[in-house]
Amino acid sequence: MTQKKEDSDVKLIKYIQEGLPVTKTPYKDIGQALGMSEDEVMQKLKRLLDAGKIRRLAASIAHRKIGINANAMCVWKVPKERVDEVGKFMAGFEEVTHCYERPIYPDWEYNVFTMIHGYTDAECEAVIQAIKEKTGLDDYVVLYSEKEFKKVGVRI
């Protein structure tokens, strides 16, 4: 890779690590800021993703700023043969932003984790109750967030 191409990649990565512009044309706006065309920005990002130099582009909502203050991590004990079926069902709730399987341990047998967001604890509890009723699962623990720490991704 030439030094110029590498420099423009680094410049692009540094620019987007603070977040994409919230506009109708974010890639065009990035291009204008960096002296590239919209197409060039999109091609570079695709190449960087394909090469594994950046892992993903994703939206992250500052949920507390829009009033979503209840956050419950509900961990479930799900039979291994039901993990895929139940996980897909749980992930189908719009309030569930994360749903994933984790290994179990002798002192922690919960293997499916769901992160549930709501405006109130009662909203989170209603989702948990709906999941419980539809899946028949009743072995779970709810862990509520008490404090949000500053979230910062990897920086170069």
C-alpha atoms as a PDB file:
ATOM      1  CA  MET A   1       0.000   0.000   0.000  1.00  0.00           C
ATOM      2  CA  THR A   2       1.377   3.387  -0.876  1.00  0.00           C
ATOM      3  CA  GLN A   3       2.003   5.939   1.845  1.00  0.00           C
ATOM      4  CA  LYS A   4      -0.637   8.271   0.349  1.00  0.00           C
ATOM      5  CA  LYS A   5      -3.337   5.561   0.323  1.00  0.00           C
ATOM      6  CA  GLU A   6      -2.428   4.503   3.880  1.00  0.00           C
ATOM      7  CA  ASP A   7      -2.544   8.114   5.076  1.00  0.00           C
ATOM      8  CA  SER A   8      -5.993   8.612   3.554  1.00  0.00           C
ATOM      9  CA  ASP A   9      -7.207   5.394   5.200  1.00  0.00           C
ATOM     10  CA  VAL A  10      -5.946   6.547   8.585  1.00  0.00           C
ATOM     11  CA  LYS A  11      -7.462   9.983   8.015  1.00  0.00           C
ATOM     12  CA  LEU A  12     -10.833   8.385   7.208  1.00  0.00           C
ATOM     13  CA  ILE A  13     -10.744   6.033  10.193  1.00  0.00           C
ATOM     14  CA  LYS A  14      -9.836   8.865  12.566  1.00  0.00           C
ATOM     15  CA  TYR A  15     -12.664  10.967  11.157  1.00  0.00           C
ATOM     16  CA  ILE A  16     -15.387   8.329  11.497  1.00  0.00           C
ATOM     17  CA  GLN A  17     -14.336   7.040  14.920  1.00  0.00           C
ATOM     18  CA  GLU A  18     -16.085  10.049  16.439  1.00  0.00           C
ATOM     19  CA  GLY A  19     -19.283   9.012  14.667  1.00  0.00           C
ATOM     20  CA  LEU A  20     -20.873   9.479  11.281  1.00  0.00           C
ATOM     21  CA  PRO A  21     -22.570  12.792  10.570  1.00  0.00           C
ATOM     22  CA  VAL A  22     -26.293  12.637  11.280  1.00  0.00           C
ATOM     23  CA  THR A  23     -27.388  13.873   7.874  1.00  0.00           C
ATOM     24  CA  LYS A  24     -29.163  12.514   4.822  1.00  0.00           C
ATOM     25  CA  THR A  25     -25.787  12.180   3.059  1.00  0.00           C
ATOM     26  CA  PRO A  26     -23.179  11.151   5.671  1.00  0.00           C
ATOM     27  CA  TYR A  27     -20.694   9.612   3.215  1.00  0.00           C
ATOM     28  CA  LYS A  28     -20.871  12.630   0.924  1.00  0.00           C
ATOM     29  CA  ASP A  29     -20.343  14.922   3.927  1.00  0.00           C
ATOM     30  CA  ILE A  30     -17.347  12.872   5.094  1.00  0.00           C
ATOM     31  CA  GLY A  31     -15.935  13.015   1.593  1.00  0.00           C
ATOM     32  CA  GLN A  32     -16.307  16.786   1.450  1.00  0.00           C
ATOM     33  CA  ALA A  33     -14.547  17.135   4.808  1.00  0.00           C
ATOM     34  CA  LEU A  34     -11.676  14.906   3.706  1.00  0.00           C
ATOM     35  CA  GLY A  35     -11.354  15.917   0.052  1.00  0.00           C
ATOM     36  CA  MET A  36     -12.825  12.691  -1.345  1.00  0.00           C
ATOM     37  CA  SER A  37     -15.908  11.809  -3.332  1.00  0.00           C
ATOM     38  CA  GLU A  38     -18.855  10.055  -1.693  1.00  0.00           C
ATOM     39  CA  ASP A  39     -18.125   6.971  -3.793  1.00  0.00           C
ATOM     40  CA  GLU A  40     -14.467   7.001  -2.756  1.00  0.00           C
ATOM     41  CA  VAL A  41     -15.453   7.108   0.932  1.00  0.00           C
ATOM     42  CA  MET A  42     -17.836   4.184   0.495  1.00  0.00           C
ATOM     43  CA  GLN A  43     -15.274   2.150  -1.477  1.00  0.00           C
ATOM     44  CA  LYS A  44     -12.568   2.793   1.119  1.00  0.00           C
ATOM     45  CA  LEU A  45     -14.878   1.782   3.967  1.00  0.00           C
ATOM     46  CA  LYS A  46     -15.867  -1.411   2.161  1.00  0.00           C
ATOM     47  CA  ARG A  47     -12.218  -2.247   1.505  1.00  0.00           C
ATOM     48  CA  LEU A  48     -11.289  -1.565   5.141  1.00  0.00           C
ATOM     49  CA  LEU A  49     -14.191  -3.754   6.339  1.00  0.00           C
ATOM     50  CA  ASP A  50     -13.298  -6.558   3.913  1.00  0.00           C
ATOM     51  CA  ALA A  51      -9.653  -6.407   5.023  1.00  0.00           C
ATOM     52  CA  GLY A  52     -10.653  -6.535   8.693  1.00  0.00           C
ATOM     53  CA  LYS A  53      -9.022  -3.175   9.416  1.00  0.00           C
ATOM     54  CA  ILE A  54     -12.353  -1.953  10.726  1.00  0.00           C
ATOM     55  CA  ARG A  55     -14.744  -4.452  12.198  1.00  0.00           C
ATOM     56  CA  ARG A  56     -18.107  -2.821  11.638  1.00  0.00           C
ATOM     57  CA  LEU A  57     -20.091   0.338  11.077  1.00  0.00           C
ATOM     58  CA  ALA A  58     -23.043   0.571  13.443  1.00  0.00           C
ATOM     59  CA  ALA A  59     -25.466   3.045  14.916  1.00  0.00           C
ATOM     60  CA  SER A  60     -25.355   3.641  18.633  1.00  0.00           C
ATOM     61  CA  ILE A  61     -28.160   5.582  20.251  1.00  0.00           C
ATOM     62  CA  ALA A  62     -27.530   7.547  23.420  1.00  0.00           C
ATOM     63  CA  HIS A  63     -30.596   5.961  24.984  1.00  0.00           C
ATOM     64  CA  ARG A  64     -30.444   7.897  28.260  1.00  0.00           C
ATOM     65  CA  LYS A  65     -30.572  11.176  26.333  1.00  0.00           C
ATOM     66  CA  ILE A  66     -33.944  10.196  24.861  1.00  0.00           C
ATOM     67  CA  GLY A  67     -35.381   9.083  28.210  1.00  0.00           C
ATOM     68  CA  ILE A  68     -34.733   5.355  28.106  1.00  0.00           C
ATOM     69  CA  ASN A  69     -33.411   5.039  31.633  1.00  0.00           C
ATOM     70  CA  ALA A  70     -34.298   1.460  32.573  1.00  0.00           C
ATOM     71  CA  ASN A  71     -31.800  -1.134  31.434  1.00  0.00           C
ATOM     72  CA  ALA A  72     -32.096  -4.749  32.520  1.00  0.00           C
ATOM     73  CA  MET A  73     -29.686  -7.536  31.719  1.00  0.00           C
ATOM     74  CA  CYS A  74     -31.787 -10.656  32.025  1.00  0.00           C
ATOM     75  CA  VAL A  75     -29.824 -13.896  32.067  1.00  0.00           C
ATOM     76  CA  TRP A  76     -31.673 -17.109  31.295  1.00  0.00           C
ATOM     77  CA  LYS A  77     -31.006 -20.813  31.832  1.00  0.00           C
ATOM     78  CA  VAL A  78     -31.976 -22.258  28.445  1.00  0.00           C
ATOM     79  CA  PRO A  79     -31.653 -25.933  27.494  1.00  0.00           C
ATOM     80  CA  LYS A  80     -28.894 -26.282  24.885  1.00  0.00           C
ATOM     81  CA  GLU A  81     -31.287 -27.732  22.292  1.00  0.00           C
ATOM     82  CA  ARG A  82     -33.555 -24.656  22.573  1.00  0.00           C
ATOM     83  CA  VAL A  83     -30.930 -21.904  22.474  1.00  0.00           C
ATOM     84  CA  ASP A  84     -31.347 -21.034  18.771  1.00  0.00           C
ATOM     85  CA  GLU A  85     -35.159 -21.090  18.856  1.00  0.00           C
ATOM     86  CA  VAL A  86     -35.442 -19.136  22.097  1.00  0.00           C
ATOM     87  CA  GLY A  87     -32.657 -16.704  21.182  1.00  0.00           C
ATOM     88  CA  LYS A  88     -34.379 -15.778  17.920  1.00  0.00           C
ATOM     89  CA  PHE A  89     -37.656 -15.255  19.767  1.00  0.00           C
ATOM     90  CA  MET A  90     -36.042 -13.061  22.456  1.00  0.00           C
ATOM     91  CA  ALA A  91     -34.125 -11.011  19.895  1.00  0.00           C
ATOM     92  CA  GLY A  92     -37.422 -10.290  18.142  1.00  0.00           C
ATOM     93  CA  PHE A  93     -38.525  -7.877  20.870  1.00  0.00           C
ATOM     94  CA  GLU A  94     -37.717  -4.291  19.912  1.00  0.00           C
ATOM     95  CA  GLU A  95     -36.735  -3.601  23.542  1.00  0.00           C
ATOM     96  CA  VAL A  96     -34.044  -6.318  23.363  1.00  0.00           C
ATOM     97  CA  THR A  97     -30.908  -4.754  21.906  1.00  0.00           C
ATOM     98  CA  HIS A  98     -28.498  -7.588  22.650  1.00  0.00           C
ATOM     99  CA  CYS A  99     -29.182 -11.312  22.818  1.00  0.00           C
ATOM    100  CA  TYR A 100     -26.358 -13.805  22.938  1.00  0.00           C
ATOM    101  CA  GLU A 101     -25.268 -17.176  24.220  1.00  0.00           C
ATOM    102  CA  ARG A 102     -22.470 -17.463  26.780  1.00  0.00           C
ATOM    103  CA  PRO A 103     -20.721 -20.508  28.245  1.00  0.00           C
ATOM    104  CA  ILE A 104     -21.998 -21.906  31.530  1.00  0.00           C
ATOM    105  CA  TYR A 105     -19.856 -22.571  34.617  1.00  0.00           C
ATOM    106  CA  PRO A 106     -20.388 -24.692  37.731  1.00  0.00           C
ATOM    107  CA  ASP A 107     -21.394 -21.614  39.718  1.00  0.00           C
ATOM    108  CA  TRP A 108     -23.209 -19.787  36.846  1.00  0.00           C
ATOM    109  CA  GLU A 109     -25.591 -21.850  34.725  1.00  0.00           C
ATOM    110  CA  TYR A 110     -27.190 -18.975  32.789  1.00  0.00           C
ATOM    111  CA  ASN A 111     -26.317 -19.249  29.125  1.00  0.00           C
ATOM    112  CA  VAL A 112     -28.532 -16.732  27.280  1.00  0.00           C
ATOM    113  CA  PHE A 113     -28.162 -13.031  27.985  1.00  0.00           C
ATOM    114  CA  THR A 114     -30.678 -10.389  26.902  1.00  0.00           C
ATOM    115  CA  MET A 115     -30.206  -6.644  27.314  1.00  0.00           C
ATOM    116  CA  ILE A 116     -33.600  -5.002  27.641  1.00  0.00           C
ATOM    117  CA  HIS A 117     -34.193  -1.246  27.497  1.00  0.00           C
ATOM    118  CA  GLY A 118     -37.301   0.656  28.530  1.00  0.00           C
ATOM    119  CA  TYR A 119     -38.464   3.995  29.839  1.00  0.00           C
ATOM    120  CA  THR A 120     -39.258   2.361  33.205  1.00  0.00           C
ATOM    121  CA  ASP A 121     -38.340  -0.779  35.108  1.00  0.00           C
ATOM    122  CA  ALA A 122     -41.974  -1.876  34.671  1.00  0.00           C
ATOM    123  CA  GLU A 123     -41.556  -1.834  30.874  1.00  0.00           C
ATOM    124  CA  CYS A 124     -38.487  -4.071  31.159  1.00  0.00           C
ATOM    125  CA  GLU A 125     -40.357  -6.386  33.535  1.00  0.00           C
ATOM    126  CA  ALA A 126     -43.250  -6.639  31.039  1.00  0.00           C
ATOM    127  CA  VAL A 127     -40.853  -7.824  28.322  1.00  0.00           C
ATOM    128  CA  ILE A 128     -39.282 -10.331  30.705  1.00  0.00           C
ATOM    129  CA  GLN A 129     -42.760 -11.603  31.639  1.00  0.00           C
ATOM    130  CA  ALA A 130     -43.746 -11.956  27.970  1.00  0.00           C
ATOM    131  CA  ILE A 131     -40.564 -13.911  27.229  1.00  0.00           C
ATOM    132  CA  LYS A 132     -41.165 -16.105  30.270  1.00  0.00           C
ATOM    133  CA  GLU A 133     -44.779 -16.842  29.280  1.00  0.00           C
ATOM    134  CA  LYS A 134     -44.066 -17.588  25.609  1.00  0.00           C
ATOM    135  CA  THR A 135     -40.950 -19.718  26.202  1.00  0.00           C
ATOM    136  CA  GLY A 136     -41.929 -21.456  29.434  1.00  0.00           C
ATOM    137  CA  LEU A 137     -38.560 -20.495  30.920  1.00  0.00           C
ATOM    138  CA  ASP A 138     -38.646 -19.578  34.572  1.00  0.00           C
ATOM    139  CA  ASP A 139     -35.027 -19.839  35.653  1.00  0.00           C
ATOM    140  CA  TYR A 140     -33.574 -16.361  35.145  1.00  0.00           C
ATOM    141  CA  VAL A 141     -31.955 -13.452  36.980  1.00  0.00           C
ATOM    142  CA  VAL A 142     -32.499  -9.754  36.278  1.00  0.00           C
ATOM    143  CA  LEU A 143     -29.586  -7.364  36.756  1.00  0.00           C
ATOM    144  CA  TYR A 144     -30.451  -3.664  36.515  1.00  0.00           C
ATOM    145  CA  SER A 145     -27.944  -1.032  35.464  1.00  0.00           C
ATOM    146  CA  GLU A 146     -27.237   1.424  38.229  1.00  0.00           C
ATOM    147  CA  LYS A 147     -24.635   3.560  36.529  1.00  0.00           C
ATOM    148  CA  GLU A 148     -23.594   4.143  32.939  1.00  0.00           C
ATOM    149  CA  PHE A 149     -19.901   4.498  32.328  1.00  0.00           C
ATOM    150  CA  LYS A 150     -18.533   6.502  29.456  1.00  0.00           C
ATOM    151  CA  LYS A 151     -18.465   4.347  26.347  1.00  0.00           C
ATOM    152  CA  VAL A 152     -15.543   4.901  24.033  1.00  0.00           C
ATOM    153  CA  GLY A 153     -14.514   2.645  21.193  1.00  0.00           C
ATOM    154  CA  VAL A 154     -10.982   1.827  20.143  1.00  0.00           C
ATOM    155  CA  ARG A 155      -9.114   4.875  18.877  1.00  0.00           C
ATOM    156  CA  ILE A 156      -6.084   5.185  16.656  1.00  0.00           C
END
